[in-house]
Amino acid sequence: MAKDHWMRDEPLNDEQFTAFKKKKVAWTLKHYPGASDRFSCDGCGLVRKCLLAFDPYNTDGDCLYEK
């Protein structure tokens, strides 16, 4: 089976995930004034493996990975 280039081989642990999300949300809020800090990723089971998690596109139910 081919490797999925949008997924990590191993999921982020709690510490890594918290730092990753904090960094991505801060970047989004800085570059997209008025953006929400809520993402479709918040309820996704793949969030700890997905390299596209917390991309500014991932709002209002949209998922960049599914595109």
Protein backbone atom coordinates (compact mmCIF):
# COMPACT_ATOMS: atom_id res chain seq x y z
CA MET A 1 0.00 0.00 0.00
CA ALA A 2 1.29 3.48 -0.88
CA LYS A 3 2.21 5.83 1.93
CA ASP A 4 -0.23 8.69 2.47
CA HIS A 5 1.92 11.82 2.26
CA TRP A 6 -0.58 13.82 4.29
CA MET A 7 -0.37 11.54 7.32
CA ARG A 8 2.37 11.09 9.91
CA ASP A 9 3.64 7.56 10.44
CA GLU A 10 2.92 7.90 14.16
CA PRO A 11 0.30 10.08 15.87
CA LEU A 12 1.41 13.05 17.96
CA ASN A 13 1.47 12.45 21.70
CA ASP A 14 -0.40 14.83 24.03
CA GLU A 15 2.50 17.25 24.45
CA GLN A 16 3.32 17.31 20.74
CA PHE A 17 -0.33 17.72 19.79
CA THR A 18 -0.88 20.62 22.18
CA ALA A 19 2.20 22.45 20.85
CA PHE A 20 1.25 21.74 17.21
CA LYS A 21 -2.32 22.99 17.63
CA LYS A 22 -1.23 26.09 19.56
CA LYS A 23 1.29 27.02 16.85
CA LYS A 24 -1.16 26.44 13.97
CA VAL A 25 -4.03 28.34 15.64
CA ALA A 26 -1.75 31.27 16.52
CA TRP A 27 -0.50 31.43 12.91
CA THR A 28 -4.05 31.42 11.56
CA LEU A 29 -5.24 34.15 13.92
CA LYS A 30 -2.21 36.29 13.06
CA HIS A 31 -2.57 35.96 9.29
CA TYR A 32 -6.37 35.87 9.05
CA PRO A 33 -7.75 38.64 11.28
CA GLY A 34 -11.21 37.76 12.52
CA ALA A 35 -10.69 34.04 11.94
CA SER A 36 -12.11 31.62 14.44
CA ASP A 37 -9.98 29.45 16.70
CA ARG A 38 -12.42 26.60 16.04
CA PHE A 39 -11.59 24.10 13.33
CA SER A 40 -13.33 21.14 11.74
CA CYS A 41 -10.29 19.18 12.95
CA ASP A 42 -11.41 19.44 16.56
CA GLY A 43 -13.75 16.48 16.12
CA CYS A 44 -11.70 14.44 13.67
CA GLY A 45 -10.23 11.08 14.61
CA LEU A 46 -7.24 11.63 12.32
CA VAL A 47 -6.20 14.97 13.82
CA ARG A 48 -3.08 13.62 15.57
CA LYS A 49 -1.75 12.11 12.34
CA CYS A 50 -2.91 14.60 9.70
CA LEU A 51 -0.31 17.07 8.46
CA LEU A 52 -3.11 19.35 7.21
CA ALA A 53 -4.77 19.64 10.62
CA PHE A 54 -5.64 23.17 11.71
CA ASP A 55 -5.03 24.65 8.28
CA PRO A 56 -7.12 27.85 7.92
CA TYR A 57 -9.24 26.04 5.30
CA ASN A 58 -10.47 23.55 7.91
CA THR A 59 -13.43 25.54 9.22
CA ASP A 60 -17.22 25.32 8.96
CA GLY A 61 -17.05 21.55 8.44
CA ASP A 62 -14.63 21.74 5.52
CA CYS A 63 -11.63 19.41 5.52
CA LEU A 64 -8.59 20.05 3.35
CA TYR A 65 -7.55 16.39 3.60
CA GLU A 66 -10.85 15.29 2.04
CA LYS A 67 -10.35 17.60 -0.94
